[in-house]
Amino acid sequence: WAYKNSLDVLFIQEHNGNRDKVSEWKAMCERSGYSIVHGLHNDTTGSGRGAAALLTKMSTFNLTEADSETQPSVGGRIAHKKVLWKDMILVSIYVPVNADERRDFLKQQMFNHRKIPPGSIIGGDFNCVENPIFDVVKENGGTYQNKHAGLMKTVMRKKQTSDVFYKIHGNRARAYTRETSEIRTRLDRIYAKDTNSQLVWHSHKLDHTYVNYVDSDHIPVV
């Protein structure tokens, strides 16, 4: 799917892979011309559930397979890499689904400038939305528990970034990146520097062709 769509960067969350998968996935990525930064949990089971991964195309960023690495840090929920193309910092992030864990994780990232420097390009599953009025549809009504979304937005402001979807479509636009029979939400987002003369964001869309490649209730943001 990535190769067919000529994607240079993939932000992946909830890859569910354990340590045994690292070398297998590294080899698979290299065969397709990608370098992988593979976040893993630090628990005794080696489970990768809820962890993040970051794939970058070697040819675009002049990478070699030596650029691949594993990051057993921050609960596996952050995978980051600096690429020598306009000195970009790319960050793949998974924000916990549990509300208490989400709060604690976001507080940790507030001043985590080593893993997430200000001005980074951040792609992830945030498990909360920017604006529940426009970013949520509950088929049976009711209130969406958007806990700690305010903290999430504060963290993104601290990182000097804003929602690319809003940059392009405006803050009253609607789109949903996770869909079930009961609810649709825009959990998956890309954040980037508010002003950047080197990069121009000209497109933001959802690619439903992913269903031909993977079983997921999330829809890729392209």
N, C-alpha and C. Protein backbone atom coordinates (compact mmCIF):
# COMPACT_ATOMS: atom_id res chain seq x y z
N TRP A 1 0.84 -1.20 0.00
CA TRP A 1 0.00 0.00 0.00
C TRP A 1 0.88 1.25 0.00
N ALA A 2 1.91 1.28 0.86
CA ALA A 2 2.81 2.44 0.92
C ALA A 2 3.57 2.62 -0.40
N TYR A 3 4.06 1.50 -0.92
CA TYR A 3 4.83 1.55 -2.17
C TYR A 3 3.94 2.02 -3.32
N LYS A 4 2.73 1.48 -3.38
CA LYS A 4 1.82 1.84 -4.47
C LYS A 4 1.44 3.31 -4.43
N ASN A 5 1.35 3.86 -3.22
CA ASN A 5 0.96 5.26 -3.06
C ASN A 5 2.16 6.21 -3.00
N SER A 6 3.36 5.68 -3.21
CA SER A 6 4.59 6.49 -3.22
C SER A 6 4.73 7.34 -1.96
N LEU A 7 4.53 6.70 -0.81
CA LEU A 7 4.61 7.41 0.45
C LEU A 7 6.06 7.45 0.96
N ASP A 8 6.48 8.62 1.41
CA ASP A 8 7.84 8.79 1.92
C ASP A 8 7.94 8.51 3.42
N VAL A 9 6.84 8.75 4.13
CA VAL A 9 6.83 8.58 5.59
C VAL A 9 5.54 7.89 6.01
N LEU A 10 5.65 6.93 6.93
CA LEU A 10 4.46 6.30 7.52
C LEU A 10 4.54 6.42 9.02
N PHE A 11 3.49 6.95 9.62
CA PHE A 11 3.33 6.98 11.07
C PHE A 11 2.40 5.82 11.43
N ILE A 12 2.89 4.85 12.16
CA ILE A 12 2.11 3.65 12.47
C ILE A 12 1.92 3.54 13.98
N GLN A 13 0.70 3.20 14.41
CA GLN A 13 0.41 3.01 15.83
C GLN A 13 -0.27 1.66 16.05
N GLU A 14 -0.19 1.19 17.30
CA GLU A 14 -0.79 -0.09 17.69
C GLU A 14 -0.33 -1.22 16.76
N HIS A 15 0.96 -1.30 16.54
CA HIS A 15 1.44 -2.34 15.63
C HIS A 15 1.39 -3.73 16.26
N ASN A 16 1.30 -3.80 17.59
CA ASN A 16 1.09 -5.08 18.30
C ASN A 16 2.23 -6.08 18.10
N GLY A 17 3.36 -5.63 17.61
CA GLY A 17 4.49 -6.54 17.41
C GLY A 17 5.37 -6.61 18.65
N ASN A 18 5.94 -7.78 18.92
CA ASN A 18 6.86 -7.92 20.06
C ASN A 18 8.29 -7.93 19.55
N ARG A 19 9.23 -8.19 20.45
CA ARG A 19 10.65 -8.13 20.09
C ARG A 19 11.02 -9.14 19.02
N ASP A 20 10.31 -10.24 18.98
CA ASP A 20 10.61 -11.27 17.98
C ASP A 20 10.32 -10.78 16.56
N LYS A 21 9.47 -9.74 16.45
CA LYS A 21 9.08 -9.25 15.13
C LYS A 21 10.06 -8.21 14.58
N VAL A 22 10.95 -7.69 15.43
CA VAL A 22 11.77 -6.56 15.02
C VAL A 22 12.60 -6.89 13.79
N SER A 23 13.36 -7.97 13.82
CA SER A 23 14.24 -8.29 12.69
C SER A 23 13.43 -8.66 11.45
N GLU A 24 12.29 -9.31 11.65
CA GLU A 24 11.43 -9.68 10.52
C GLU A 24 10.90 -8.45 9.82
N TRP A 25 10.39 -7.49 10.61
CA TRP A 25 9.83 -6.28 10.02
C TRP A 25 10.92 -5.40 9.43
N LYS A 26 12.08 -5.35 10.07
CA LYS A 26 13.21 -4.57 9.55
C LYS A 26 13.58 -5.06 8.15
N ALA A 27 13.70 -6.38 8.00
CA ALA A 27 14.05 -6.95 6.70
C ALA A 27 12.97 -6.69 5.66
N MET A 28 11.71 -6.81 6.07
CA MET A 28 10.60 -6.57 5.15
C MET A 28 10.60 -5.11 4.67
N CYS A 29 10.84 -4.19 5.60
CA CYS A 29 10.87 -2.77 5.23
C CYS A 29 12.02 -2.48 4.27
N GLU A 30 13.17 -3.03 4.56
CA GLU A 30 14.34 -2.78 3.72
C GLU A 30 14.14 -3.31 2.30
N ARG A 31 13.44 -4.43 2.18
CA ARG A 31 13.16 -4.96 0.84
C ARG A 31 12.30 -4.00 0.03
N SER A 32 11.49 -3.22 0.72
CA SER A 32 10.62 -2.25 0.05
C SER A 32 11.21 -0.85 0.03
N GLY A 33 12.46 -0.71 0.52
CA GLY A 33 13.14 0.58 0.47
C GLY A 33 12.85 1.51 1.62
N TYR A 34 12.41 0.95 2.76
CA TYR A 34 12.10 1.77 3.92
C TYR A 34 13.01 1.45 5.10
N SER A 35 13.25 2.45 5.92
CA SER A 35 13.93 2.28 7.19
C SER A 35 12.86 2.38 8.28
N ILE A 36 12.96 1.54 9.33
CA ILE A 36 11.94 1.53 10.37
C ILE A 36 12.53 1.86 11.73
N VAL A 37 11.89 2.77 12.44
CA VAL A 37 12.15 3.01 13.86
C VAL A 37 10.99 2.38 14.60
N HIS A 38 11.28 1.41 15.42
CA HIS A 38 10.29 0.48 15.92
C HIS A 38 10.17 0.62 17.44
N GLY A 39 9.12 1.28 17.92
CA GLY A 39 8.93 1.42 19.36
C GLY A 39 8.43 0.13 19.98
N LEU A 40 8.95 -0.20 21.16
CA LEU A 40 8.52 -1.40 21.88
C LEU A 40 8.31 -1.08 23.34
N HIS A 41 7.39 -1.83 23.97
CA HIS A 41 7.17 -1.67 25.40
C HIS A 41 8.37 -2.19 26.19
N ASN A 42 8.51 -1.67 27.39
CA ASN A 42 9.58 -2.11 28.28
C ASN A 42 9.09 -3.13 29.30
N ASP A 43 7.98 -3.80 29.03
CA ASP A 43 7.48 -4.76 30.00
C ASP A 43 8.13 -6.14 29.79
N THR A 44 7.89 -7.04 30.71
CA THR A 44 8.57 -8.34 30.68
C THR A 44 8.03 -9.25 29.58
N THR A 45 6.84 -8.99 29.11
CA THR A 45 6.26 -9.84 28.07
C THR A 45 6.77 -9.49 26.68
N GLY A 46 7.34 -8.28 26.57
CA GLY A 46 7.82 -7.85 25.25
C GLY A 46 6.69 -7.48 24.30
N SER A 47 5.50 -7.28 24.83
CA SER A 47 4.35 -6.96 23.99
C SER A 47 4.53 -5.59 23.34
N GLY A 48 4.09 -5.48 22.09
CA GLY A 48 4.18 -4.20 21.40
C GLY A 48 2.84 -3.49 21.30
N ARG A 49 1.83 -4.00 21.94
CA ARG A 49 0.49 -3.43 21.80
C ARG A 49 0.48 -1.96 22.21
N GLY A 50 -0.13 -1.14 21.37
CA GLY A 50 -0.20 0.28 21.67
C GLY A 50 1.08 1.03 21.33
N ALA A 51 2.06 0.34 20.75
CA ALA A 51 3.33 0.99 20.45
C ALA A 51 3.28 1.67 19.09
N ALA A 52 4.29 2.52 18.84
CA ALA A 52 4.35 3.28 17.60
C ALA A 52 5.54 2.84 16.77
N ALA A 53 5.45 3.05 15.46
CA ALA A 53 6.57 2.81 14.56
C ALA A 53 6.61 3.93 13.53
N LEU A 54 7.80 4.19 13.02
CA LEU A 54 7.99 5.25 12.03
C LEU A 54 8.77 4.67 10.86
N LEU A 55 8.20 4.74 9.66
CA LEU A 55 8.87 4.26 8.47
C LEU A 55 9.22 5.44 7.58
N THR A 56 10.45 5.46 7.08
CA THR A 56 10.89 6.52 6.18
C THR A 56 11.54 5.91 4.95
N LYS A 57 11.27 6.47 3.79
CA LYS A 57 11.82 5.93 2.54
C LYS A 57 13.30 6.29 2.45
N MET A 58 14.11 5.27 2.25
CA MET A 58 15.56 5.48 2.24
C MET A 58 16.00 6.41 1.13
N SER A 59 15.46 6.23 -0.07
CA SER A 59 15.92 7.03 -1.20
C SER A 59 15.57 8.51 -1.04
N THR A 60 14.41 8.80 -0.46
CA THR A 60 13.99 10.20 -0.29
C THR A 60 14.89 10.94 0.68
N PHE A 61 15.25 10.26 1.78
CA PHE A 61 15.99 10.92 2.83
C PHE A 61 17.46 10.50 2.88
N ASN A 62 17.94 9.84 1.81
CA ASN A 62 19.33 9.39 1.74
C ASN A 62 19.70 8.51 2.94
N LEU A 63 18.78 7.62 3.32
CA LEU A 63 19.02 6.72 4.43
C LEU A 63 19.61 5.42 3.94
N THR A 64 20.23 4.70 4.85
CA THR A 64 20.66 3.34 4.58
C THR A 64 20.03 2.44 5.62
N GLU A 65 20.18 1.13 5.47
CA GLU A 65 19.58 0.22 6.44
C GLU A 65 20.17 0.42 7.83
N ALA A 66 21.37 1.04 7.91
CA ALA A 66 21.97 1.31 9.22
C ALA A 66 21.17 2.34 10.01
N ASP A 67 20.28 3.07 9.33
CA ASP A 67 19.46 4.07 10.02
C ASP A 67 18.32 3.44 10.81
N SER A 68 18.04 2.17 10.58
CA SER A 68 16.97 1.51 11.32
C SER A 68 17.37 1.33 12.77
N GLU A 69 16.42 1.41 13.66
CA GLU A 69 16.70 1.24 15.07
C GLU A 69 15.44 0.86 15.83
N THR A 70 15.64 0.31 17.02
CA THR A 70 14.54 -0.04 17.91
C THR A 70 14.58 0.89 19.11
N GLN A 71 13.42 1.34 19.56
CA GLN A 71 13.35 2.26 20.69
C GLN A 71 12.48 1.68 21.80
N PRO A 72 13.04 0.96 22.73
CA PRO A 72 12.25 0.48 23.87
C PRO A 72 12.14 1.58 24.92
N SER A 73 11.40 2.63 24.60
CA SER A 73 11.34 3.79 25.50
C SER A 73 9.95 4.40 25.47
N VAL A 74 9.63 5.16 26.52
CA VAL A 74 8.35 5.84 26.66
C VAL A 74 7.21 4.85 26.40
N GLY A 75 7.36 3.66 26.98
CA GLY A 75 6.32 2.65 26.81
C GLY A 75 6.14 2.21 25.38
N GLY A 76 7.13 2.48 24.52
CA GLY A 76 7.01 2.12 23.11
C GLY A 76 6.09 3.03 22.34
N ARG A 77 5.57 4.06 22.99
CA ARG A 77 4.51 4.86 22.37
C ARG A 77 5.02 6.01 21.53
N ILE A 78 6.32 6.21 21.47
CA ILE A 78 6.89 7.25 20.63
C ILE A 78 8.01 6.65 19.80
N ALA A 79 7.99 6.90 18.51
CA ALA A 79 9.11 6.57 17.63
C ALA A 79 9.48 7.83 16.87
N HIS A 80 10.74 8.24 16.95
CA HIS A 80 11.10 9.52 16.34
C HIS A 80 12.42 9.40 15.59
N LYS A 81 12.62 10.30 14.65
CA LYS A 81 13.84 10.29 13.87
C LYS A 81 14.06 11.66 13.25
N LYS A 82 15.31 12.11 13.26
CA LYS A 82 15.68 13.32 12.53
C LYS A 82 16.18 12.88 11.17
N VAL A 83 15.66 13.51 10.12
CA VAL A 83 16.12 13.20 8.77
C VAL A 83 16.77 14.45 8.17
N LEU A 84 17.83 14.24 7.43
CA LEU A 84 18.60 15.35 6.88
C LEU A 84 17.98 15.82 5.57
N TRP A 85 16.76 16.23 5.65
CA TRP A 85 16.03 16.83 4.53
C TRP A 85 15.25 17.97 5.14
N LYS A 86 15.80 19.17 4.98
CA LYS A 86 15.26 20.36 5.64
C LYS A 86 15.24 20.18 7.16
N ASP A 87 16.15 19.29 7.67
CA ASP A 87 16.33 19.07 9.12
C ASP A 87 15.00 18.76 9.82
N MET A 88 14.23 17.87 9.24
CA MET A 88 12.93 17.53 9.82
C MET A 88 13.07 16.53 10.95
N ILE A 89 12.26 16.72 11.99
CA ILE A 89 12.08 15.73 13.05
C ILE A 89 10.72 15.10 12.84
N LEU A 90 10.69 13.79 12.62
CA LEU A 90 9.45 13.06 12.40
C LEU A 90 9.13 12.26 13.65
N VAL A 91 7.90 12.33 14.12
CA VAL A 91 7.50 11.64 15.35
C VAL A 91 6.21 10.88 15.12
N SER A 92 6.25 9.57 15.40
CA SER A 92 5.04 8.75 15.41
C SER A 92 4.66 8.53 16.86
N ILE A 93 3.40 8.79 17.20
CA ILE A 93 3.00 8.77 18.61
C ILE A 93 1.67 8.03 18.79
N TYR A 94 1.60 7.26 19.85
CA TYR A 94 0.35 6.62 20.24
C TYR A 94 0.00 7.10 21.64
N VAL A 95 -1.13 7.79 21.77
CA VAL A 95 -1.60 8.30 23.06
C VAL A 95 -2.55 7.26 23.66
N PRO A 96 -2.33 6.86 24.91
CA PRO A 96 -3.10 5.75 25.49
C PRO A 96 -4.61 5.95 25.44
N VAL A 97 -5.33 4.84 25.28
CA VAL A 97 -6.78 4.88 25.25
C VAL A 97 -7.36 5.05 26.65
N ASN A 98 -6.67 4.53 27.67
CA ASN A 98 -7.11 4.69 29.05
C ASN A 98 -6.92 6.15 29.48
N ALA A 99 -7.97 6.77 30.03
CA ALA A 99 -7.94 8.20 30.32
C ALA A 99 -6.85 8.59 31.31
N ASP A 100 -6.68 7.81 32.39
CA ASP A 100 -5.66 8.13 33.38
C ASP A 100 -4.26 8.00 32.78
N GLU A 101 -4.04 6.94 32.01
CA GLU A 101 -2.75 6.76 31.34
C GLU A 101 -2.50 7.88 30.33
N ARG A 102 -3.57 8.30 29.66
CA ARG A 102 -3.46 9.38 28.68
C ARG A 102 -2.99 10.66 29.35
N ARG A 103 -3.61 10.99 30.48
CA ARG A 103 -3.21 12.19 31.22
C ARG A 103 -1.74 12.13 31.61
N ASP A 104 -1.32 11.02 32.20
CA ASP A 104 0.06 10.89 32.67
C ASP A 104 1.04 10.95 31.50
N PHE A 105 0.70 10.29 30.42
CA PHE A 105 1.57 10.28 29.25
C PHE A 105 1.72 11.68 28.66
N LEU A 106 0.61 12.40 28.52
CA LEU A 106 0.67 13.74 27.94
C LEU A 106 1.46 14.69 28.84
N LYS A 107 1.32 14.55 30.14
CA LYS A 107 2.11 15.39 31.05
C LYS A 107 3.60 15.13 30.88
N GLN A 108 3.95 13.88 30.67
CA GLN A 108 5.36 13.52 30.45
C GLN A 108 5.91 14.18 29.19
N GLN A 109 5.05 14.31 28.17
CA GLN A 109 5.53 14.83 26.89
C GLN A 109 5.56 16.35 26.83
N MET A 110 4.96 17.01 27.81
CA MET A 110 4.87 18.46 27.79
C MET A 110 6.24 19.10 27.55
N PHE A 111 7.24 18.62 28.29
CA PHE A 111 8.58 19.21 28.19
C PHE A 111 9.62 18.18 27.72
N ASN A 112 9.13 17.15 27.03
CA ASN A 112 10.01 16.13 26.49
C ASN A 112 10.56 16.61 25.15
N HIS A 113 11.54 17.51 25.21
CA HIS A 113 12.04 18.12 23.98
C HIS A 113 13.07 17.25 23.28
N ARG A 114 13.54 16.20 23.94
CA ARG A 114 14.49 15.31 23.28
C ARG A 114 13.76 14.40 22.30
N LYS A 115 12.65 13.82 22.74
CA LYS A 115 11.88 12.93 21.86
C LYS A 115 10.98 13.71 20.90
N ILE A 116 10.43 14.82 21.38
CA ILE A 116 9.52 15.61 20.54
C ILE A 116 9.95 17.07 20.60
N PRO A 117 10.96 17.45 19.84
CA PRO A 117 11.39 18.86 19.83
C PRO A 117 10.30 19.76 19.25
N PRO A 118 10.25 21.01 19.68
CA PRO A 118 9.29 21.95 19.09
C PRO A 118 9.48 22.04 17.58
N GLY A 119 8.36 22.11 16.87
CA GLY A 119 8.40 22.21 15.42
C GLY A 119 8.48 20.87 14.71
N SER A 120 8.35 19.77 15.45
CA SER A 120 8.37 18.45 14.82
C SER A 120 7.13 18.24 13.96
N ILE A 121 7.20 17.27 13.07
CA ILE A 121 6.01 16.78 12.36
C ILE A 121 5.56 15.53 13.10
N ILE A 122 4.35 15.57 13.67
CA ILE A 122 3.88 14.54 14.58
C ILE A 122 2.64 13.88 13.98
N GLY A 123 2.71 12.58 13.76
CA GLY A 123 1.56 11.84 13.27
C GLY A 123 1.18 10.77 14.28
N GLY A 124 -0.11 10.63 14.57
CA GLY A 124 -0.45 9.63 15.56
C GLY A 124 -1.92 9.38 15.77
N ASP A 125 -2.16 8.41 16.65
CA ASP A 125 -3.49 8.09 17.16
C ASP A 125 -3.55 8.72 18.55
N PHE A 126 -4.38 9.76 18.71
CA PHE A 126 -4.39 10.55 19.93
C PHE A 126 -5.47 10.12 20.91
N ASN A 127 -6.38 9.26 20.49
CA ASN A 127 -7.44 8.73 21.34
C ASN A 127 -8.26 9.81 22.04
N CYS A 128 -8.28 10.99 21.46
CA CYS A 128 -9.19 12.07 21.84
C CYS A 128 -9.23 13.00 20.63
N VAL A 129 -10.19 13.90 20.59
CA VAL A 129 -10.37 14.72 19.40
C VAL A 129 -10.14 16.19 19.70
N GLU A 130 -9.92 16.95 18.65
CA GLU A 130 -9.74 18.40 18.80
C GLU A 130 -11.05 19.07 19.21
N ASN A 131 -12.13 18.72 18.53
CA ASN A 131 -13.42 19.37 18.77
C ASN A 131 -14.54 18.34 18.62
N PRO A 132 -15.14 17.90 19.74
CA PRO A 132 -16.17 16.86 19.65
C PRO A 132 -17.41 17.26 18.85
N ILE A 133 -17.62 18.55 18.65
CA ILE A 133 -18.77 19.00 17.87
C ILE A 133 -18.61 18.57 16.40
N PHE A 134 -17.40 18.70 15.88
CA PHE A 134 -17.15 18.41 14.47
C PHE A 134 -16.44 17.08 14.25
N ASP A 135 -15.76 16.57 15.28
CA ASP A 135 -14.91 15.40 15.11
C ASP A 135 -15.53 14.10 15.61
N VAL A 136 -16.79 14.13 16.02
CA VAL A 136 -17.44 12.94 16.58
C VAL A 136 -18.88 12.84 16.08
N VAL A 137 -19.29 11.64 15.71
CA VAL A 137 -20.69 11.34 15.45
C VAL A 137 -21.02 10.06 16.21
N LYS A 138 -21.94 10.15 17.18
CA LYS A 138 -22.42 8.97 17.89
C LYS A 138 -23.79 8.62 17.34
N GLU A 139 -23.89 7.43 16.78
CA GLU A 139 -25.12 7.05 16.08
C GLU A 139 -26.33 7.06 17.00
N ASN A 140 -26.15 6.75 18.27
CA ASN A 140 -27.27 6.70 19.21
C ASN A 140 -27.30 7.91 20.15
N GLY A 141 -26.59 8.97 19.77
CA GLY A 141 -26.56 10.16 20.61
C GLY A 141 -25.66 9.96 21.81
N GLY A 142 -25.79 10.86 22.78
CA GLY A 142 -24.98 10.77 23.98
C GLY A 142 -23.75 11.64 23.89
N THR A 143 -23.01 11.71 25.00
CA THR A 143 -21.84 12.57 25.11
C THR A 143 -20.56 11.78 24.90
N TYR A 144 -19.66 12.33 24.13
CA TYR A 144 -18.35 11.70 23.91
C TYR A 144 -17.41 12.13 25.03
N GLN A 145 -16.84 11.16 25.72
CA GLN A 145 -15.94 11.46 26.84
C GLN A 145 -14.55 11.78 26.30
N ASN A 146 -14.34 13.05 26.03
CA ASN A 146 -13.11 13.51 25.39
C ASN A 146 -12.08 13.93 26.45
N LYS A 147 -11.77 13.01 27.35
CA LYS A 147 -10.97 13.36 28.52
C LYS A 147 -9.53 13.71 28.14
N HIS A 148 -9.06 14.81 28.73
CA HIS A 148 -7.69 15.30 28.61
C HIS A 148 -7.36 15.79 27.21
N ALA A 149 -8.39 16.09 26.42
CA ALA A 149 -8.15 16.67 25.10
C ALA A 149 -7.53 18.06 25.24
N GLY A 150 -7.94 18.79 26.26
CA GLY A 150 -7.36 20.12 26.50
C GLY A 150 -5.87 20.03 26.78
N LEU A 151 -5.48 19.03 27.55
CA LEU A 151 -4.06 18.81 27.83
C LEU A 151 -3.32 18.44 26.55
N MET A 152 -3.94 17.61 25.73
CA MET A 152 -3.33 17.23 24.45
C MET A 152 -3.07 18.47 23.60
N LYS A 153 -4.05 19.38 23.52
CA LYS A 153 -3.88 20.57 22.71
C LYS A 153 -2.82 21.50 23.28
N THR A 154 -2.73 21.54 24.61
CA THR A 154 -1.68 22.34 25.25
C THR A 154 -0.30 21.80 24.89
N VAL A 155 -0.16 20.48 24.90
CA VAL A 155 1.12 19.85 24.53
C VAL A 155 1.48 20.20 23.10
N MET A 156 0.51 20.12 22.19
CA MET A 156 0.80 20.43 20.79
C MET A 156 1.19 21.90 20.61
N ARG A 157 0.57 22.79 21.39
CA ARG A 157 0.97 24.21 21.34
C ARG A 157 2.39 24.39 21.86
N LYS A 158 2.73 23.66 22.93
CA LYS A 158 4.09 23.72 23.46
C LYS A 158 5.11 23.27 22.42
N LYS A 159 4.68 22.33 21.58
CA LYS A 159 5.56 21.83 20.52
C LYS A 159 5.51 22.72 19.28
N GLN A 160 4.77 23.84 19.36
CA GLN A 160 4.67 24.82 18.27
C GLN A 160 4.09 24.20 17.00
N THR A 161 3.07 23.35 17.20
CA THR A 161 2.44 22.69 16.06
C THR A 161 0.93 22.88 16.12
N SER A 162 0.28 22.64 14.99
CA SER A 162 -1.17 22.65 14.94
C SER A 162 -1.65 21.59 13.95
N ASP A 163 -2.92 21.34 13.96
CA ASP A 163 -3.57 20.26 13.20
C ASP A 163 -3.55 20.58 11.70
N VAL A 164 -2.91 19.72 10.91
CA VAL A 164 -2.81 19.94 9.47
C VAL A 164 -4.18 19.90 8.81
N PHE A 165 -5.08 19.07 9.31
CA PHE A 165 -6.44 19.01 8.76
C PHE A 165 -7.11 20.38 8.82
N TYR A 166 -6.97 21.06 9.96
CA TYR A 166 -7.55 22.40 10.09
C TYR A 166 -6.83 23.41 9.21
N LYS A 167 -5.51 23.26 9.06
CA LYS A 167 -4.76 24.17 8.20
C LYS A 167 -5.34 24.20 6.79
N ILE A 168 -5.70 23.01 6.30
CA ILE A 168 -6.12 22.88 4.91
C ILE A 168 -7.62 23.06 4.73
N HIS A 169 -8.41 22.48 5.64
CA HIS A 169 -9.86 22.45 5.44
C HIS A 169 -10.64 23.42 6.33
N GLY A 170 -9.98 24.05 7.28
CA GLY A 170 -10.69 24.95 8.19
C GLY A 170 -11.19 24.22 9.42
N ASN A 171 -11.42 24.97 10.52
CA ASN A 171 -11.73 24.34 11.81
C ASN A 171 -13.19 23.94 11.98
N ARG A 172 -13.98 24.02 10.91
CA ARG A 172 -15.36 23.54 10.99
C ARG A 172 -15.60 22.36 10.03
N ALA A 173 -14.50 21.87 9.44
CA ALA A 173 -14.61 20.73 8.52
C ALA A 173 -14.83 19.44 9.30
N ARG A 174 -15.38 18.45 8.62
CA ARG A 174 -15.66 17.15 9.26
C ARG A 174 -14.97 16.03 8.49
N ALA A 175 -14.41 15.10 9.24
CA ALA A 175 -13.83 13.87 8.67
C ALA A 175 -13.65 12.90 9.83
N TYR A 176 -13.65 11.60 9.54
CA TYR A 176 -13.58 10.61 10.61
C TYR A 176 -12.57 9.54 10.22
N THR A 177 -11.60 9.31 11.11
CA THR A 177 -10.53 8.36 10.81
C THR A 177 -10.72 7.03 11.52
N ARG A 178 -11.70 6.93 12.37
CA ARG A 178 -12.05 5.64 12.97
C ARG A 178 -13.57 5.50 12.91
N GLU A 179 -14.03 4.38 12.37
CA GLU A 179 -15.46 4.19 12.20
C GLU A 179 -15.88 2.81 12.70
N THR A 180 -16.90 2.80 13.56
CA THR A 180 -17.54 1.55 13.97
C THR A 180 -19.04 1.72 13.74
N SER A 181 -19.79 0.71 14.08
CA SER A 181 -21.24 0.79 13.88
C SER A 181 -21.88 1.78 14.85
N GLU A 182 -21.17 2.16 15.91
CA GLU A 182 -21.74 3.02 16.95
C GLU A 182 -21.19 4.44 16.94
N ILE A 183 -19.96 4.61 16.46
CA ILE A 183 -19.35 5.94 16.58
C ILE A 183 -18.32 6.15 15.47
N ARG A 184 -18.20 7.42 15.06
CA ARG A 184 -17.16 7.85 14.12
C ARG A 184 -16.39 8.99 14.77
N THR A 185 -15.07 8.92 14.70
CA THR A 185 -14.23 9.92 15.36
C THR A 185 -13.01 10.26 14.51
N ARG A 186 -12.46 11.43 14.75
CA ARG A 186 -11.21 11.84 14.07
C ARG A 186 -10.07 11.77 15.09
N LEU A 187 -9.66 10.53 15.39
CA LEU A 187 -8.61 10.30 16.39
C LEU A 187 -7.22 10.44 15.81
N ASP A 188 -7.09 10.16 14.52
CA ASP A 188 -5.77 10.09 13.88
C ASP A 188 -5.48 11.40 13.17
N ARG A 189 -4.37 12.02 13.55
CA ARG A 189 -4.09 13.36 13.04
C ARG A 189 -2.60 13.55 12.79
N ILE A 190 -2.30 14.58 12.03
CA ILE A 190 -0.92 15.02 11.80
C ILE A 190 -0.81 16.46 12.28
N TYR A 191 0.21 16.71 13.08
CA TYR A 191 0.49 18.06 13.56
C TYR A 191 1.82 18.53 12.97
N ALA A 192 1.88 19.81 12.63
CA ALA A 192 3.10 20.35 12.05
C ALA A 192 3.26 21.81 12.49
N LYS A 193 4.43 22.33 12.24
CA LYS A 193 4.77 23.69 12.64
C LYS A 193 3.77 24.68 12.05
N ASP A 194 3.40 25.67 12.85
CA ASP A 194 2.40 26.63 12.41
C ASP A 194 2.85 27.40 11.18
N THR A 195 4.09 27.85 11.16
CA THR A 195 4.63 28.57 10.01
C THR A 195 5.95 27.93 9.62
N ASN A 196 6.07 27.57 8.37
CA ASN A 196 7.29 26.92 7.89
C ASN A 196 7.46 27.27 6.42
N SER A 197 8.46 28.07 6.12
CA SER A 197 8.66 28.52 4.75
C SER A 197 9.19 27.40 3.85
N GLN A 198 9.69 26.31 4.47
CA GLN A 198 10.29 25.23 3.69
C GLN A 198 9.28 24.16 3.27
N LEU A 199 8.19 24.03 4.01
CA LEU A 199 7.21 23.00 3.74
C LEU A 199 5.84 23.61 3.52
N VAL A 200 5.14 23.16 2.49
CA VAL A 200 3.79 23.64 2.20
C VAL A 200 2.85 22.44 2.24
N TRP A 201 1.81 22.53 3.07
CA TRP A 201 0.82 21.45 3.18
C TRP A 201 -0.31 21.75 2.20
N HIS A 202 -0.45 20.90 1.20
CA HIS A 202 -1.42 21.18 0.14
C HIS A 202 -2.53 20.15 0.04
N SER A 203 -2.44 19.05 0.81
CA SER A 203 -3.45 18.01 0.69
C SER A 203 -3.60 17.26 2.01
N HIS A 204 -4.82 16.86 2.30
CA HIS A 204 -5.10 16.04 3.49
C HIS A 204 -6.35 15.24 3.16
N LYS A 205 -6.18 13.92 3.04
CA LYS A 205 -7.32 13.09 2.66
C LYS A 205 -7.25 11.75 3.38
N LEU A 206 -8.36 11.03 3.34
CA LEU A 206 -8.43 9.69 3.91
C LEU A 206 -8.45 8.67 2.78
N ASP A 207 -7.67 7.60 2.95
CA ASP A 207 -7.53 6.60 1.89
C ASP A 207 -8.24 5.31 2.30
N HIS A 208 -9.43 5.09 1.76
CA HIS A 208 -10.21 3.90 2.11
C HIS A 208 -9.74 2.64 1.40
N THR A 209 -8.77 2.75 0.50
CA THR A 209 -8.28 1.55 -0.18
C THR A 209 -7.46 0.67 0.75
N TYR A 210 -7.14 1.18 1.95
CA TYR A 210 -6.35 0.39 2.90
C TYR A 210 -7.02 -0.95 3.22
N VAL A 211 -8.35 -1.03 3.09
CA VAL A 211 -9.06 -2.26 3.45
C VAL A 211 -8.63 -3.44 2.58
N ASN A 212 -8.00 -3.14 1.46
CA ASN A 212 -7.50 -4.21 0.60
C ASN A 212 -6.20 -4.82 1.13
N TYR A 213 -5.63 -4.18 2.16
CA TYR A 213 -4.31 -4.61 2.64
C TYR A 213 -4.30 -4.97 4.11
N VAL A 214 -5.15 -4.36 4.92
CA VAL A 214 -5.07 -4.58 6.37
C VAL A 214 -6.46 -4.49 6.98
N ASP A 215 -6.69 -5.25 8.05
CA ASP A 215 -7.96 -5.25 8.75
C ASP A 215 -7.87 -4.28 9.92
N SER A 216 -8.52 -3.15 9.81
CA SER A 216 -8.46 -2.13 10.86
C SER A 216 -9.71 -1.27 10.80
N ASP A 217 -10.14 -0.75 11.95
CA ASP A 217 -11.27 0.19 11.95
C ASP A 217 -10.77 1.64 11.88
N HIS A 218 -9.46 1.82 11.69
CA HIS A 218 -8.90 3.14 11.46
C HIS A 218 -8.64 3.34 9.97
N ILE A 219 -8.77 4.57 9.52
CA ILE A 219 -8.58 4.91 8.11
C ILE A 219 -7.31 5.75 7.99
N PRO A 220 -6.38 5.39 7.10
CA PRO A 220 -5.14 6.15 6.99
C PRO A 220 -5.36 7.59 6.54
N VAL A 221 -4.60 8.49 7.15
CA VAL A 221 -4.56 9.89 6.74
C VAL A 221 -3.38 10.05 5.78
N VAL A 222 -3.63 10.59 4.60
CA VAL A 222 -2.59 10.74 3.58
C VAL A 222 -2.44 12.23 3.25
